[in-house]
Amino acid sequence: MNYKMVNFLNSIAPLTQSDADLGELLIISFVESAWAQNKHIHVNDVLKGVKNFSSASLNRKLRKLREKKILSFESSPTDERVKFIKKGSNYSDYLDQIDFIEPRNHAQLP
């Protein structure tokens, strides 16, 4: 197995000991990438850009992220149907919780 794949698998292994939802993490990763490029991101951008889940599943995950106040949605001033994704009040706490996972805390085999 190539080095990059081993590094990737080792970096996500601690998530097996976390309550974090991988779908939510993919959404967060997607929007963070857009924000790093100073792009405004819409809900539809997530639905088109995250290929691992159906649009119904992504909408459920986005709704859960909004309910947990990890993300918030702001209507476009020109079209109310367009929702911009913003950081919610619990966004930093959510990321801190994931960052707190011990790097060597891998899944424990029975």
Protein backbone atom coordinates (compact mmCIF):
# COMPACT_ATOMS: atom_id res chain seq x y z
CA MET A 1 0.00 0.00 0.00
CA ASN A 2 1.34 3.41 -0.86
CA TYR A 3 2.50 5.83 1.83
CA LYS A 4 -0.25 8.41 1.24
CA MET A 5 -2.98 5.80 1.72
CA VAL A 6 -1.38 4.46 4.91
CA ASN A 7 -1.07 8.02 6.22
CA PHE A 8 -4.71 8.74 5.39
CA LEU A 9 -5.98 5.55 7.03
CA ASN A 10 -3.90 6.21 10.14
CA SER A 11 -5.23 9.76 10.34
CA ILE A 12 -8.89 8.68 10.28
CA ALA A 13 -8.52 5.60 12.49
CA PRO A 14 -9.14 7.56 15.74
CA LEU A 15 -12.57 8.50 14.40
CA THR A 16 -13.67 4.95 15.17
CA GLN A 17 -13.67 6.03 18.84
CA SER A 18 -15.65 9.21 18.17
CA ASP A 19 -19.33 10.04 17.97
CA ALA A 20 -18.59 12.11 14.87
CA ASP A 21 -20.68 11.30 11.80
CA LEU A 22 -18.46 10.76 8.76
CA GLY A 23 -21.07 12.30 6.49
CA GLU A 24 -21.08 15.43 8.61
CA LEU A 25 -17.29 15.50 8.49
CA LEU A 26 -17.34 15.25 4.69
CA ILE A 27 -19.72 18.20 4.56
CA ILE A 28 -17.54 20.21 6.96
CA SER A 29 -14.47 19.33 4.90
CA PHE A 30 -16.21 20.42 1.70
CA VAL A 31 -17.37 23.78 3.07
CA GLU A 32 -14.03 24.44 4.80
CA SER A 33 -12.26 23.90 1.50
CA ALA A 34 -14.55 26.44 -0.19
CA TRP A 35 -14.18 28.93 2.66
CA ALA A 36 -10.38 28.60 2.46
CA GLN A 37 -10.71 29.84 -1.12
CA ASN A 38 -12.96 32.73 0.04
CA LYS A 39 -15.96 31.26 -1.78
CA HIS A 40 -19.54 31.64 -0.67
CA ILE A 41 -21.08 28.20 -0.56
CA HIS A 42 -24.74 27.30 -1.09
CA VAL A 43 -26.63 24.24 0.04
CA ASN A 44 -26.88 23.17 -3.62
CA ASP A 45 -23.08 23.31 -3.90
CA VAL A 46 -22.89 20.67 -1.15
CA LEU A 47 -25.57 18.56 -2.82
CA LYS A 48 -23.62 18.61 -6.09
CA GLY A 49 -20.12 18.46 -4.63
CA VAL A 50 -20.31 15.67 -2.05
CA LYS A 51 -20.65 12.51 -4.10
CA ASN A 52 -20.67 9.93 -1.30
CA PHE A 53 -24.31 10.44 -0.25
CA SER A 54 -27.66 10.98 -1.91
CA SER A 55 -29.14 14.46 -1.91
CA ALA A 56 -31.78 13.30 0.59
CA SER A 57 -29.08 12.05 2.97
CA LEU A 58 -27.07 15.23 2.56
CA ASN A 59 -30.15 17.35 3.28
CA ARG A 60 -30.76 15.33 6.47
CA LYS A 61 -27.14 15.78 7.54
CA LEU A 62 -27.26 19.50 6.78
CA ARG A 63 -30.47 19.80 8.81
CA LYS A 64 -28.81 17.97 11.73
CA LEU A 65 -25.78 20.25 11.52
CA ARG A 66 -28.12 23.25 11.60
CA GLU A 67 -30.11 21.85 14.54
CA LYS A 68 -26.86 21.31 16.47
CA LYS A 69 -25.89 24.90 15.55
CA ILE A 70 -22.72 23.70 13.88
CA LEU A 71 -23.77 25.32 10.61
CA SER A 72 -26.29 28.04 9.91
CA PHE A 73 -28.04 29.05 6.72
CA GLU A 74 -28.52 32.57 5.49
CA SER A 75 -30.94 33.42 2.71
CA SER A 76 -29.59 35.23 -0.31
CA PRO A 77 -30.70 38.87 -0.41
CA THR A 78 -31.67 38.44 -4.07
CA ASP A 79 -33.35 35.01 -3.92
CA GLU A 80 -34.79 33.55 -0.71
CA ARG A 81 -34.58 30.03 -2.14
CA VAL A 82 -30.78 30.23 -2.18
CA LYS A 83 -29.25 29.45 1.22
CA PHE A 84 -25.64 30.37 2.02
CA ILE A 85 -23.88 28.11 4.51
CA LYS A 86 -22.23 29.88 7.44
CA LYS A 87 -20.50 28.75 10.63
CA GLY A 88 -22.94 28.18 13.46
CA SER A 89 -22.41 29.13 17.08
CA ASN A 90 -21.18 25.59 17.95
CA TYR A 91 -18.89 25.22 14.93
CA SER A 92 -15.59 25.73 16.74
CA ASP A 93 -16.64 23.53 19.67
CA TYR A 94 -17.52 20.72 17.24
CA LEU A 95 -14.11 20.93 15.57
CA ASP A 96 -12.37 21.12 18.95
CA GLN A 97 -14.19 17.96 20.03
CA ILE A 98 -12.88 16.11 16.97
CA ASP A 99 -9.41 17.59 17.39
CA PHE A 100 -9.38 16.34 20.99
CA ILE A 101 -9.45 12.68 19.85
CA GLU A 102 -6.19 11.01 20.80
CA PRO A 103 -4.14 10.32 17.64
CA ARG A 104 -3.18 6.85 18.86
CA ASN A 105 -6.67 5.94 20.05
CA HIS A 106 -7.39 3.37 17.36
CA ALA A 107 -10.21 0.88 17.26
CA GLN A 108 -9.82 -1.83 19.86
CA LEU A 109 -10.18 -5.36 18.57
CA PRO A 110 -11.99 -7.82 20.84
